[in-house]
């Protein structure tokens, strides 16, 4: 996860977006929670895009298992996010509603983000 985001670091679809300032793994549950927050805050007006996809599986062994025995089962999927990556974009809403929606989405994510505009 070294370096900054080389692609996906500018707005491509919307007028406002949420840009990552830290590097992290973001789980599929966290992405869905942020998406729902935007959808609820905008009352499904306008359009939103989720620019990251959780395509990396991570594994976990059972809590009571002994050492050895190989790798654990797949526990979920994560998206690898580097600083500068645009996570969410929205368009078709007023500036105030858009700022509020992206602020609510940022509260659902485990990293520091900033709001960007075209």
N, C-alpha and C. Protein backbone atom coordinates (compact mmCIF):
# COMPACT_ATOMS: atom_id res chain seq x y z
N UNK A 1 0.82 -1.19 0.00
CA UNK A 1 0.00 0.00 0.00
C UNK A 1 0.86 1.26 0.00
N UNK A 2 2.10 1.15 -0.47
CA UNK A 2 2.99 2.29 -0.49
C UNK A 2 2.54 3.32 -1.52
N UNK A 3 2.94 4.56 -1.31
CA UNK A 3 2.71 5.61 -2.29
C UNK A 3 1.31 6.17 -2.28
N UNK A 4 1.07 7.08 -3.22
CA UNK A 4 -0.23 7.71 -3.36
C UNK A 4 -0.99 7.07 -4.50
N UNK A 5 -2.30 7.33 -4.57
CA UNK A 5 -3.14 6.78 -5.62
C UNK A 5 -2.72 7.37 -6.97
N UNK A 6 -2.39 6.52 -7.92
CA UNK A 6 -2.00 6.99 -9.25
C UNK A 6 -3.22 7.15 -10.15
N UNK A 7 -4.22 6.31 -9.93
CA UNK A 7 -5.46 6.42 -10.73
C UNK A 7 -6.62 6.60 -9.77
N UNK A 8 -7.70 7.15 -10.27
CA UNK A 8 -8.87 7.37 -9.44
C UNK A 8 -8.66 8.47 -8.42
N UNK A 9 -7.77 9.43 -8.73
CA UNK A 9 -7.47 10.49 -7.77
C UNK A 9 -8.12 11.82 -8.13
N UNK A 10 -9.03 11.82 -9.10
CA UNK A 10 -9.75 13.04 -9.48
C UNK A 10 -11.21 12.69 -9.71
N UNK A 11 -12.07 13.70 -9.62
CA UNK A 11 -13.49 13.47 -9.87
C UNK A 11 -13.68 13.10 -11.34
N UNK A 12 -14.46 12.06 -11.60
CA UNK A 12 -14.69 11.61 -12.97
C UNK A 12 -16.16 11.71 -13.35
N UNK A 13 -17.07 11.54 -12.41
CA UNK A 13 -18.49 11.48 -12.72
C UNK A 13 -19.30 12.59 -12.06
N UNK A 14 -19.04 12.89 -10.82
CA UNK A 14 -19.88 13.80 -10.05
C UNK A 14 -19.29 15.19 -9.89
N UNK A 15 -20.02 16.02 -9.13
CA UNK A 15 -19.60 17.38 -8.85
C UNK A 15 -18.87 17.50 -7.52
N UNK A 16 -19.20 16.60 -6.57
CA UNK A 16 -18.55 16.58 -5.26
C UNK A 16 -18.10 15.16 -4.96
N UNK A 17 -17.05 15.06 -4.15
CA UNK A 17 -16.57 13.73 -3.82
C UNK A 17 -15.88 13.69 -2.47
N UNK A 18 -15.55 12.48 -2.07
CA UNK A 18 -14.87 12.22 -0.81
C UNK A 18 -13.54 11.57 -1.14
N UNK A 19 -12.44 12.24 -0.76
CA UNK A 19 -11.10 11.77 -1.09
C UNK A 19 -10.40 11.27 0.16
N UNK A 20 -9.72 10.12 0.05
CA UNK A 20 -8.99 9.53 1.17
C UNK A 20 -7.71 10.31 1.44
N UNK A 21 -7.39 10.50 2.73
CA UNK A 21 -6.15 11.15 3.13
C UNK A 21 -5.17 10.17 3.76
N UNK A 22 -5.64 8.95 4.06
CA UNK A 22 -4.80 7.92 4.68
C UNK A 22 -4.89 6.63 3.88
N UNK A 23 -4.00 5.73 4.17
CA UNK A 23 -4.05 4.41 3.53
C UNK A 23 -4.70 3.42 4.48
N UNK A 24 -5.51 2.52 3.92
CA UNK A 24 -6.20 1.55 4.76
C UNK A 24 -6.88 0.50 3.91
N UNK A 25 -7.32 -0.55 4.58
CA UNK A 25 -8.26 -1.49 3.98
C UNK A 25 -9.65 -1.06 4.42
N UNK A 26 -10.56 -0.92 3.48
CA UNK A 26 -11.94 -0.59 3.81
C UNK A 26 -12.80 -1.80 3.46
N UNK A 27 -13.53 -2.31 4.44
CA UNK A 27 -14.32 -3.52 4.24
C UNK A 27 -15.58 -3.24 3.43
N UNK A 28 -16.15 -4.29 2.89
CA UNK A 28 -17.38 -4.16 2.10
C UNK A 28 -18.52 -3.63 2.96
N UNK A 29 -18.55 -3.98 4.24
CA UNK A 29 -19.60 -3.47 5.13
C UNK A 29 -19.46 -1.97 5.35
N UNK A 30 -18.24 -1.47 5.47
CA UNK A 30 -18.03 -0.04 5.66
C UNK A 30 -18.41 0.74 4.40
N UNK A 31 -18.09 0.20 3.24
CA UNK A 31 -18.46 0.84 1.97
C UNK A 31 -19.97 0.91 1.84
N UNK A 32 -20.65 -0.18 2.14
CA UNK A 32 -22.11 -0.21 2.05
C UNK A 32 -22.75 0.75 3.05
N UNK A 33 -22.20 0.85 4.24
CA UNK A 33 -22.71 1.76 5.24
C UNK A 33 -22.59 3.22 4.77
N UNK A 34 -21.46 3.57 4.18
CA UNK A 34 -21.26 4.93 3.66
C UNK A 34 -22.22 5.20 2.49
N UNK A 35 -22.40 4.21 1.63
CA UNK A 35 -23.32 4.37 0.49
C UNK A 35 -24.75 4.61 0.98
N UNK A 36 -25.17 3.85 1.98
CA UNK A 36 -26.52 4.02 2.54
C UNK A 36 -26.68 5.39 3.18
N UNK A 37 -25.64 5.88 3.85
CA UNK A 37 -25.70 7.20 4.48
C UNK A 37 -25.91 8.29 3.43
N UNK A 38 -25.21 8.20 2.31
CA UNK A 38 -25.37 9.17 1.22
C UNK A 38 -26.76 9.07 0.64
N UNK A 39 -27.22 7.86 0.39
CA UNK A 39 -28.55 7.65 -0.19
C UNK A 39 -29.64 8.21 0.70
N UNK A 40 -29.51 8.00 2.00
CA UNK A 40 -30.51 8.48 2.95
C UNK A 40 -30.48 10.01 3.08
N UNK A 41 -29.28 10.58 3.12
CA UNK A 41 -29.14 12.03 3.31
C UNK A 41 -29.62 12.81 2.09
N UNK A 42 -29.45 12.25 0.89
CA UNK A 42 -29.88 12.94 -0.33
C UNK A 42 -31.32 12.60 -0.69
N UNK A 43 -31.95 11.74 0.10
CA UNK A 43 -33.31 11.27 -0.18
C UNK A 43 -33.43 10.74 -1.61
N UNK A 44 -32.37 10.09 -2.05
CA UNK A 44 -32.24 9.45 -3.36
C UNK A 44 -32.42 10.42 -4.52
N UNK A 45 -32.17 11.70 -4.28
CA UNK A 45 -32.13 12.67 -5.38
C UNK A 45 -30.73 12.60 -5.98
N UNK A 46 -30.60 13.05 -7.18
CA UNK A 46 -29.29 13.07 -7.81
C UNK A 46 -28.77 11.67 -8.07
N UNK A 47 -27.46 11.56 -8.20
CA UNK A 47 -26.83 10.28 -8.50
C UNK A 47 -25.55 10.19 -7.69
N UNK A 48 -25.23 8.97 -7.29
CA UNK A 48 -24.00 8.76 -6.53
C UNK A 48 -23.22 7.59 -7.13
N UNK A 49 -21.91 7.65 -6.97
CA UNK A 49 -21.02 6.60 -7.46
C UNK A 49 -20.09 6.18 -6.34
N UNK A 50 -19.89 4.88 -6.20
CA UNK A 50 -18.89 4.35 -5.28
C UNK A 50 -17.71 3.97 -6.15
N UNK A 51 -16.57 4.62 -5.94
CA UNK A 51 -15.42 4.47 -6.83
C UNK A 51 -14.44 3.38 -6.40
N UNK A 52 -14.72 2.72 -5.28
CA UNK A 52 -13.84 1.63 -4.83
C UNK A 52 -14.64 0.34 -4.80
N UNK A 53 -13.95 -0.77 -4.98
CA UNK A 53 -14.61 -2.08 -4.96
C UNK A 53 -13.80 -3.04 -4.10
N UNK A 54 -14.46 -3.75 -3.19
CA UNK A 54 -13.73 -4.69 -2.31
C UNK A 54 -13.42 -6.00 -3.04
N UNK A 55 -12.25 -6.08 -3.66
CA UNK A 55 -11.90 -7.26 -4.45
C UNK A 55 -10.76 -8.08 -3.83
N UNK A 56 -10.33 -7.73 -2.63
CA UNK A 56 -9.24 -8.45 -1.98
C UNK A 56 -9.80 -9.25 -0.81
N UNK A 57 -9.72 -10.58 -0.85
CA UNK A 57 -10.22 -11.38 0.28
C UNK A 57 -9.24 -11.36 1.44
N UNK A 58 -9.78 -11.41 2.66
CA UNK A 58 -8.92 -11.56 3.83
C UNK A 58 -9.42 -12.75 4.63
N UNK A 59 -8.48 -13.42 5.31
CA UNK A 59 -8.81 -14.65 6.02
C UNK A 59 -8.69 -14.44 7.52
N UNK A 60 -9.33 -15.35 8.24
CA UNK A 60 -9.27 -15.30 9.70
C UNK A 60 -9.44 -16.71 10.23
N UNK A 61 -8.61 -17.03 11.21
CA UNK A 61 -8.74 -18.34 11.85
C UNK A 61 -9.66 -18.23 13.05
N UNK A 62 -10.28 -19.33 13.42
CA UNK A 62 -11.18 -19.35 14.57
C UNK A 62 -10.42 -18.97 15.84
N UNK A 63 -11.11 -18.33 16.77
CA UNK A 63 -10.47 -17.83 17.98
C UNK A 63 -9.85 -18.94 18.83
N UNK A 64 -10.48 -20.08 18.93
CA UNK A 64 -9.99 -21.15 19.80
C UNK A 64 -9.11 -22.17 19.10
N UNK A 65 -8.71 -21.92 17.85
CA UNK A 65 -7.92 -22.92 17.12
C UNK A 65 -6.45 -22.87 17.54
N UNK A 66 -5.80 -24.02 17.47
CA UNK A 66 -4.39 -24.10 17.83
C UNK A 66 -3.51 -23.65 16.68
N UNK A 67 -2.24 -23.47 17.00
CA UNK A 67 -1.28 -23.04 15.97
C UNK A 67 -1.14 -24.13 14.91
N UNK A 68 -0.82 -23.69 13.68
CA UNK A 68 -0.67 -24.62 12.58
C UNK A 68 -2.01 -24.89 11.93
N UNK A 69 -2.04 -25.86 11.08
CA UNK A 69 -3.30 -26.23 10.43
C UNK A 69 -3.62 -25.40 9.19
N UNK A 70 -2.68 -24.59 8.76
CA UNK A 70 -2.87 -23.84 7.52
C UNK A 70 -3.58 -22.51 7.70
N UNK A 71 -3.94 -21.96 6.57
CA UNK A 71 -4.56 -20.64 6.54
C UNK A 71 -6.03 -20.75 6.91
N UNK A 72 -6.59 -19.69 7.46
CA UNK A 72 -7.99 -19.69 7.85
C UNK A 72 -8.94 -19.49 6.68
N UNK A 73 -10.21 -19.54 6.96
CA UNK A 73 -11.23 -19.35 5.92
C UNK A 73 -11.37 -17.87 5.59
N UNK A 74 -11.91 -17.60 4.40
CA UNK A 74 -12.15 -16.22 3.99
C UNK A 74 -13.21 -15.60 4.89
N UNK A 75 -12.85 -14.47 5.51
CA UNK A 75 -13.76 -13.80 6.45
C UNK A 75 -14.51 -12.67 5.79
N UNK A 76 -13.98 -12.11 4.72
CA UNK A 76 -14.63 -11.01 4.04
C UNK A 76 -13.75 -10.45 2.95
N UNK A 77 -14.18 -9.31 2.39
CA UNK A 77 -13.45 -8.68 1.30
C UNK A 77 -13.19 -7.22 1.65
N UNK A 78 -12.05 -6.71 1.19
CA UNK A 78 -11.67 -5.33 1.45
C UNK A 78 -11.24 -4.65 0.16
N UNK A 79 -11.31 -3.32 0.17
CA UNK A 79 -10.76 -2.50 -0.91
C UNK A 79 -9.50 -1.83 -0.37
N UNK A 80 -8.43 -1.90 -1.12
CA UNK A 80 -7.18 -1.27 -0.73
C UNK A 80 -7.26 0.20 -1.15
N UNK A 81 -7.13 1.11 -0.18
CA UNK A 81 -7.25 2.54 -0.46
C UNK A 81 -5.95 3.24 -0.09
N UNK A 82 -5.42 4.00 -1.05
CA UNK A 82 -4.21 4.78 -0.83
C UNK A 82 -4.59 6.26 -0.71
N UNK A 83 -3.73 7.10 -0.15
CA UNK A 83 -4.05 8.53 -0.06
C UNK A 83 -4.27 9.13 -1.44
N UNK A 84 -5.33 9.92 -1.57
CA UNK A 84 -5.64 10.57 -2.84
C UNK A 84 -6.74 9.89 -3.62
N UNK A 85 -7.13 8.69 -3.23
CA UNK A 85 -8.16 7.95 -3.95
C UNK A 85 -9.54 8.55 -3.67
N UNK A 86 -10.34 8.75 -4.73
CA UNK A 86 -11.71 9.22 -4.56
C UNK A 86 -12.58 8.01 -4.23
N UNK A 87 -13.29 8.10 -3.11
CA UNK A 87 -14.08 6.97 -2.62
C UNK A 87 -15.52 7.06 -3.09
N UNK A 88 -16.13 8.24 -2.95
CA UNK A 88 -17.52 8.46 -3.33
C UNK A 88 -17.63 9.73 -4.17
N UNK A 89 -18.63 9.74 -5.07
CA UNK A 89 -18.94 10.95 -5.82
C UNK A 89 -20.45 11.11 -5.87
N UNK A 90 -20.92 12.36 -5.85
CA UNK A 90 -22.35 12.63 -6.00
C UNK A 90 -22.55 13.82 -6.92
N UNK A 91 -23.72 13.88 -7.52
CA UNK A 91 -24.11 15.01 -8.36
C UNK A 91 -25.63 15.13 -8.35
N UNK A 92 -26.11 16.29 -8.76
CA UNK A 92 -27.55 16.49 -8.87
C UNK A 92 -28.24 16.90 -7.59
N UNK A 93 -27.49 17.32 -6.57
CA UNK A 93 -28.07 17.80 -5.32
C UNK A 93 -27.47 19.18 -5.02
N UNK A 94 -28.12 19.91 -4.12
CA UNK A 94 -27.59 21.22 -3.74
C UNK A 94 -26.28 21.06 -2.98
N UNK A 95 -25.55 22.16 -2.90
CA UNK A 95 -24.25 22.12 -2.24
C UNK A 95 -24.37 21.73 -0.77
N UNK A 96 -25.38 22.28 -0.08
CA UNK A 96 -25.56 22.00 1.34
C UNK A 96 -25.89 20.53 1.58
N UNK A 97 -26.82 20.00 0.79
CA UNK A 97 -27.21 18.59 0.93
C UNK A 97 -26.02 17.68 0.61
N UNK A 98 -25.27 18.03 -0.44
CA UNK A 98 -24.11 17.24 -0.82
C UNK A 98 -23.05 17.21 0.25
N UNK A 99 -22.77 18.37 0.85
CA UNK A 99 -21.77 18.44 1.92
C UNK A 99 -22.21 17.61 3.12
N UNK A 100 -23.48 17.73 3.48
CA UNK A 100 -24.01 16.96 4.62
C UNK A 100 -23.94 15.46 4.35
N UNK A 101 -24.32 15.05 3.14
CA UNK A 101 -24.31 13.62 2.79
C UNK A 101 -22.90 13.05 2.83
N UNK A 102 -21.94 13.77 2.27
CA UNK A 102 -20.56 13.27 2.26
C UNK A 102 -19.95 13.31 3.66
N UNK A 103 -20.35 14.28 4.49
CA UNK A 103 -19.88 14.31 5.87
C UNK A 103 -20.38 13.08 6.62
N UNK A 104 -21.66 12.73 6.41
CA UNK A 104 -22.22 11.54 7.07
C UNK A 104 -21.51 10.27 6.59
N UNK A 105 -21.21 10.21 5.29
CA UNK A 105 -20.50 9.04 4.75
C UNK A 105 -19.10 8.93 5.34
N UNK A 106 -18.43 10.07 5.50
CA UNK A 106 -17.07 10.08 6.04
C UNK A 106 -17.05 9.55 7.47
N UNK A 107 -18.13 9.77 8.22
CA UNK A 107 -18.24 9.27 9.59
C UNK A 107 -18.30 7.74 9.65
N UNK A 108 -18.69 7.11 8.56
CA UNK A 108 -18.81 5.65 8.51
C UNK A 108 -17.49 4.97 8.12
N UNK A 109 -16.53 5.75 7.68
CA UNK A 109 -15.28 5.18 7.19
C UNK A 109 -14.18 5.27 8.24
N UNK A 110 -13.24 4.31 8.26
CA UNK A 110 -12.20 4.27 9.30
C UNK A 110 -10.99 5.15 9.01
N UNK A 111 -11.06 6.01 7.99
CA UNK A 111 -9.90 6.83 7.64
C UNK A 111 -10.29 8.30 7.57
N UNK A 112 -9.28 9.16 7.58
CA UNK A 112 -9.51 10.59 7.41
C UNK A 112 -9.77 10.86 5.92
N UNK A 113 -10.75 11.71 5.65
CA UNK A 113 -11.11 12.04 4.28
C UNK A 113 -11.29 13.55 4.16
N UNK A 114 -11.36 14.02 2.92
CA UNK A 114 -11.69 15.43 2.71
C UNK A 114 -12.68 15.54 1.57
N UNK A 115 -13.46 16.59 1.61
CA UNK A 115 -14.48 16.85 0.60
C UNK A 115 -13.84 17.62 -0.55
N UNK A 116 -14.07 17.18 -1.77
CA UNK A 116 -13.54 17.88 -2.93
C UNK A 116 -14.70 18.25 -3.85
N UNK A 117 -14.50 19.31 -4.62
CA UNK A 117 -15.52 19.78 -5.56
C UNK A 117 -14.86 20.07 -6.90
N UNK A 118 -15.70 20.05 -7.96
CA UNK A 118 -15.21 20.39 -9.28
C UNK A 118 -15.02 21.87 -9.39
